[in-house]
Protein backbone atom coordinates (compact mmCIF):
# COMPACT_ATOMS: atom_id res chain seq x y z
CA UNK A 1 0.00 0.00 0.00
CA UNK A 2 1.54 3.29 -1.07
CA UNK A 3 0.10 6.68 -0.09
CA UNK A 4 -0.92 8.59 -3.24
CA UNK A 5 0.40 11.82 -1.80
CA UNK A 6 3.70 11.73 0.11
CA UNK A 7 2.64 14.75 2.14
CA UNK A 8 -0.19 12.67 3.61
CA UNK A 9 2.06 9.74 4.53
CA UNK A 10 1.90 10.30 8.30
CA UNK A 11 -1.88 10.75 8.22
CA UNK A 12 -2.28 7.55 6.19
CA UNK A 13 -0.07 5.62 8.61
CA UNK A 14 -2.02 6.97 11.58
CA UNK A 15 -5.35 5.97 9.97
CA UNK A 16 -4.04 2.50 9.12
CA UNK A 17 -2.70 2.01 12.62
CA UNK A 18 -6.03 3.07 14.14
CA UNK A 19 -8.01 0.73 11.88
CA UNK A 20 -5.65 -2.17 12.53
CA UNK A 21 -5.99 -1.51 16.26
CA UNK A 22 -9.76 -1.75 15.96
CA UNK A 23 -9.41 -5.18 14.34
CA UNK A 24 -7.38 -6.69 17.17
CA UNK A 25 -10.35 -8.14 19.07
CA UNK A 26 -11.42 -10.19 16.06
CA UNK A 27 -8.06 -10.59 14.30
CA UNK A 28 -5.36 -10.45 16.97
CA UNK A 29 -1.90 -10.02 15.57
CA UNK A 30 -2.70 -8.24 12.32
CA UNK A 31 -0.47 -5.25 11.85
CA UNK A 32 0.95 -2.59 9.59
CA UNK A 33 4.62 -2.49 8.68
CA UNK A 34 6.20 0.85 7.75
CA UNK A 35 8.54 0.24 4.80
CA UNK A 36 9.40 3.90 4.29
CA UNK A 37 7.78 4.64 0.93
CA UNK A 38 4.95 2.14 1.42
CA UNK A 39 3.07 0.20 4.08
CA UNK A 40 2.50 -3.53 4.29
CA UNK A 41 -0.41 -5.09 6.12
CA UNK A 42 0.75 -8.14 8.02
CA UNK A 43 -1.55 -11.09 8.62
CA UNK A 44 -0.47 -13.96 10.88
CA UNK A 45 -0.71 -17.48 9.47
CA UNK A 46 -3.50 -18.38 11.91
CA UNK A 47 -5.78 -15.90 10.09
CA UNK A 48 -4.91 -17.08 6.61
CA UNK A 49 -7.30 -19.53 5.02
CA UNK A 50 -7.14 -21.23 1.66
CA UNK A 51 -9.40 -20.46 -1.26
CA UNK A 52 -11.85 -23.26 -0.53
CA UNK A 53 -12.27 -22.31 3.15
CA UNK A 54 -12.67 -18.64 2.23
CA UNK A 55 -15.27 -19.49 -0.40
CA UNK A 56 -17.23 -21.36 2.27
CA UNK A 57 -17.09 -18.36 4.62
CA UNK A 58 -18.25 -15.97 1.90
CA UNK A 59 -21.04 -18.32 0.86
CA UNK A 60 -22.31 -18.68 4.44
CA UNK A 61 -22.32 -14.89 4.84
CA UNK A 62 -24.16 -14.45 1.54
CA UNK A 63 -26.86 -16.93 2.58
CA UNK A 64 -27.20 -15.14 5.92
CA UNK A 65 -27.82 -11.86 4.05
CA UNK A 66 -30.24 -13.65 1.73
CA UNK A 67 -32.12 -15.07 4.72
CA UNK A 68 -32.29 -11.68 6.47
CA UNK A 69 -31.61 -8.83 4.01
CA UNK A 70 -31.77 -6.22 6.78
CA UNK A 71 -28.44 -7.54 8.09
CA UNK A 72 -26.63 -6.52 4.88
CA UNK A 73 -24.44 -3.52 5.82
CA UNK A 74 -25.02 -0.42 3.67
CA UNK A 75 -21.39 -0.43 2.51
CA UNK A 76 -21.78 -3.98 1.20
CA UNK A 77 -24.72 -3.38 -1.14
CA UNK A 78 -22.77 -1.72 -4.00
CA UNK A 79 -20.03 -4.35 -3.62
CA UNK A 80 -22.56 -7.18 -3.88
CA UNK A 81 -24.27 -5.62 -6.88
CA UNK A 82 -20.94 -5.18 -8.67
CA UNK A 83 -19.71 -8.71 -7.86
CA UNK A 84 -22.85 -10.44 -8.99
CA UNK A 85 -23.29 -8.26 -12.06
CA UNK A 86 -19.77 -9.14 -13.20
CA UNK A 87 -20.33 -12.84 -12.38
CA UNK A 88 -23.66 -13.14 -14.17
CA UNK A 89 -22.48 -11.03 -17.12
CA UNK A 90 -19.45 -13.31 -17.48
CA UNK A 91 -21.67 -16.40 -17.53
CA UNK A 92 -23.92 -14.73 -20.10
CA UNK A 93 -20.95 -13.84 -22.32
CA UNK A 94 -19.45 -17.33 -22.01
CA UNK A 95 -22.72 -18.90 -23.11
CA UNK A 96 -22.68 -17.05 -26.46
C-alpha atoms as a PDB file:
ATOM      1  CA  UNK A   1       0.000   0.000   0.000  1.00  0.00           C
ATOM      2  CA  UNK A   2       1.536   3.285  -1.072  1.00  0.00           C
ATOM      3  CA  UNK A   3       0.104   6.679  -0.087  1.00  0.00           C
ATOM      4  CA  UNK A   4      -0.916   8.586  -3.238  1.00  0.00           C
ATOM      5  CA  UNK A   5       0.403  11.821  -1.796  1.00  0.00           C
ATOM      6  CA  UNK A   6       3.703  11.726   0.106  1.00  0.00           C
ATOM      7  CA  UNK A   7       2.641  14.751   2.142  1.00  0.00           C
ATOM      8  CA  UNK A   8      -0.191  12.669   3.613  1.00  0.00           C
ATOM      9  CA  UNK A   9       2.064   9.743   4.532  1.00  0.00           C
ATOM     10  CA  UNK A  10       1.898  10.295   8.295  1.00  0.00           C
ATOM     11  CA  UNK A  11      -1.879  10.747   8.222  1.00  0.00           C
ATOM     12  CA  UNK A  12      -2.283   7.546   6.187  1.00  0.00           C
ATOM     13  CA  UNK A  13      -0.073   5.622   8.614  1.00  0.00           C
ATOM     14  CA  UNK A  14      -2.024   6.974  11.584  1.00  0.00           C
ATOM     15  CA  UNK A  15      -5.347   5.972   9.974  1.00  0.00           C
ATOM     16  CA  UNK A  16      -4.038   2.496   9.124  1.00  0.00           C
ATOM     17  CA  UNK A  17      -2.697   2.012  12.623  1.00  0.00           C
ATOM     18  CA  UNK A  18      -6.032   3.066  14.139  1.00  0.00           C
ATOM     19  CA  UNK A  19      -8.009   0.729  11.876  1.00  0.00           C
ATOM     20  CA  UNK A  20      -5.652  -2.172  12.531  1.00  0.00           C
ATOM     21  CA  UNK A  21      -5.989  -1.512  16.262  1.00  0.00           C
ATOM     22  CA  UNK A  22      -9.764  -1.746  15.959  1.00  0.00           C
ATOM     23  CA  UNK A  23      -9.412  -5.184  14.337  1.00  0.00           C
ATOM     24  CA  UNK A  24      -7.380  -6.693  17.172  1.00  0.00           C
ATOM     25  CA  UNK A  25     -10.346  -8.141  19.070  1.00  0.00           C
ATOM     26  CA  UNK A  26     -11.424 -10.186  16.063  1.00  0.00           C
ATOM     27  CA  UNK A  27      -8.062 -10.592  14.299  1.00  0.00           C
ATOM     28  CA  UNK A  28      -5.364 -10.453  16.973  1.00  0.00           C
ATOM     29  CA  UNK A  29      -1.897 -10.021  15.569  1.00  0.00           C
ATOM     30  CA  UNK A  30      -2.703  -8.242  12.317  1.00  0.00           C
ATOM     31  CA  UNK A  31      -0.473  -5.248  11.848  1.00  0.00           C
ATOM     32  CA  UNK A  32       0.952  -2.594   9.591  1.00  0.00           C
ATOM     33  CA  UNK A  33       4.620  -2.490   8.681  1.00  0.00           C
ATOM     34  CA  UNK A  34       6.201   0.850   7.750  1.00  0.00           C
ATOM     35  CA  UNK A  35       8.544   0.244   4.804  1.00  0.00           C
ATOM     36  CA  UNK A  36       9.400   3.900   4.291  1.00  0.00           C
ATOM     37  CA  UNK A  37       7.785   4.640   0.932  1.00  0.00           C
ATOM     38  CA  UNK A  38       4.950   2.143   1.416  1.00  0.00           C
ATOM     39  CA  UNK A  39       3.075   0.200   4.081  1.00  0.00           C
ATOM     40  CA  UNK A  40       2.505  -3.530   4.295  1.00  0.00           C
ATOM     41  CA  UNK A  41      -0.411  -5.095   6.117  1.00  0.00           C
ATOM     42  CA  UNK A  42       0.752  -8.141   8.022  1.00  0.00           C
ATOM     43  CA  UNK A  43      -1.546 -11.089   8.624  1.00  0.00           C
ATOM     44  CA  UNK A  44      -0.468 -13.960  10.882  1.00  0.00           C
ATOM     45  CA  UNK A  45      -0.711 -17.485   9.471  1.00  0.00           C
ATOM     46  CA  UNK A  46      -3.500 -18.377  11.913  1.00  0.00           C
ATOM     47  CA  UNK A  47      -5.775 -15.897  10.091  1.00  0.00           C
ATOM     48  CA  UNK A  48      -4.908 -17.085   6.608  1.00  0.00           C
ATOM     49  CA  UNK A  49      -7.295 -19.531   5.018  1.00  0.00           C
ATOM     50  CA  UNK A  50      -7.141 -21.233   1.657  1.00  0.00           C
ATOM     51  CA  UNK A  51      -9.395 -20.461  -1.259  1.00  0.00           C
ATOM     52  CA  UNK A  52     -11.853 -23.263  -0.526  1.00  0.00           C
ATOM     53  CA  UNK A  53     -12.268 -22.307   3.147  1.00  0.00           C
ATOM     54  CA  UNK A  54     -12.669 -18.636   2.233  1.00  0.00           C
ATOM     55  CA  UNK A  55     -15.267 -19.492  -0.397  1.00  0.00           C
ATOM     56  CA  UNK A  56     -17.228 -21.361   2.275  1.00  0.00           C
ATOM     57  CA  UNK A  57     -17.087 -18.362   4.622  1.00  0.00           C
ATOM     58  CA  UNK A  58     -18.249 -15.966   1.904  1.00  0.00           C
ATOM     59  CA  UNK A  59     -21.038 -18.322   0.864  1.00  0.00           C
ATOM     60  CA  UNK A  60     -22.306 -18.681   4.443  1.00  0.00           C
ATOM     61  CA  UNK A  61     -22.319 -14.889   4.845  1.00  0.00           C
ATOM     62  CA  UNK A  62     -24.157 -14.447   1.536  1.00  0.00           C
ATOM     63  CA  UNK A  63     -26.857 -16.929   2.576  1.00  0.00           C
ATOM     64  CA  UNK A  64     -27.201 -15.137   5.922  1.00  0.00           C
ATOM     65  CA  UNK A  65     -27.818 -11.860   4.048  1.00  0.00           C
ATOM     66  CA  UNK A  66     -30.237 -13.647   1.729  1.00  0.00           C
ATOM     67  CA  UNK A  67     -32.122 -15.074   4.722  1.00  0.00           C
ATOM     68  CA  UNK A  68     -32.288 -11.677   6.469  1.00  0.00           C
ATOM     69  CA  UNK A  69     -31.611  -8.828   4.006  1.00  0.00           C
ATOM     70  CA  UNK A  70     -31.770  -6.220   6.779  1.00  0.00           C
ATOM     71  CA  UNK A  71     -28.445  -7.541   8.092  1.00  0.00           C
ATOM     72  CA  UNK A  72     -26.631  -6.518   4.885  1.00  0.00           C
ATOM     73  CA  UNK A  73     -24.436  -3.521   5.815  1.00  0.00           C
ATOM     74  CA  UNK A  74     -25.024  -0.415   3.673  1.00  0.00           C
ATOM     75  CA  UNK A  75     -21.390  -0.430   2.514  1.00  0.00           C
ATOM     76  CA  UNK A  76     -21.778  -3.984   1.197  1.00  0.00           C
ATOM     77  CA  UNK A  77     -24.722  -3.381  -1.138  1.00  0.00           C
ATOM     78  CA  UNK A  78     -22.774  -1.723  -4.002  1.00  0.00           C
ATOM     79  CA  UNK A  79     -20.031  -4.350  -3.618  1.00  0.00           C
ATOM     80  CA  UNK A  80     -22.557  -7.184  -3.884  1.00  0.00           C
ATOM     81  CA  UNK A  81     -24.271  -5.619  -6.876  1.00  0.00           C
ATOM     82  CA  UNK A  82     -20.941  -5.181  -8.668  1.00  0.00           C
ATOM     83  CA  UNK A  83     -19.713  -8.705  -7.858  1.00  0.00           C
ATOM     84  CA  UNK A  84     -22.854 -10.442  -8.985  1.00  0.00           C
ATOM     85  CA  UNK A  85     -23.291  -8.257 -12.062  1.00  0.00           C
ATOM     86  CA  UNK A  86     -19.770  -9.142 -13.197  1.00  0.00           C
ATOM     87  CA  UNK A  87     -20.329 -12.837 -12.376  1.00  0.00           C
ATOM     88  CA  UNK A  88     -23.660 -13.137 -14.167  1.00  0.00           C
ATOM     89  CA  UNK A  89     -22.476 -11.028 -17.125  1.00  0.00           C
ATOM     90  CA  UNK A  90     -19.448 -13.314 -17.482  1.00  0.00           C
ATOM     91  CA  UNK A  91     -21.669 -16.403 -17.528  1.00  0.00           C
ATOM     92  CA  UNK A  92     -23.918 -14.725 -20.101  1.00  0.00           C
ATOM     93  CA  UNK A  93     -20.946 -13.843 -22.323  1.00  0.00           C
ATOM     94  CA  UNK A  94     -19.451 -17.332 -22.014  1.00  0.00           C
ATOM     95  CA  UNK A  95     -22.725 -18.905 -23.113  1.00  0.00           C
ATOM     96  CA  UNK A  96     -22.682 -17.053 -26.457  1.00  0.00           C
END
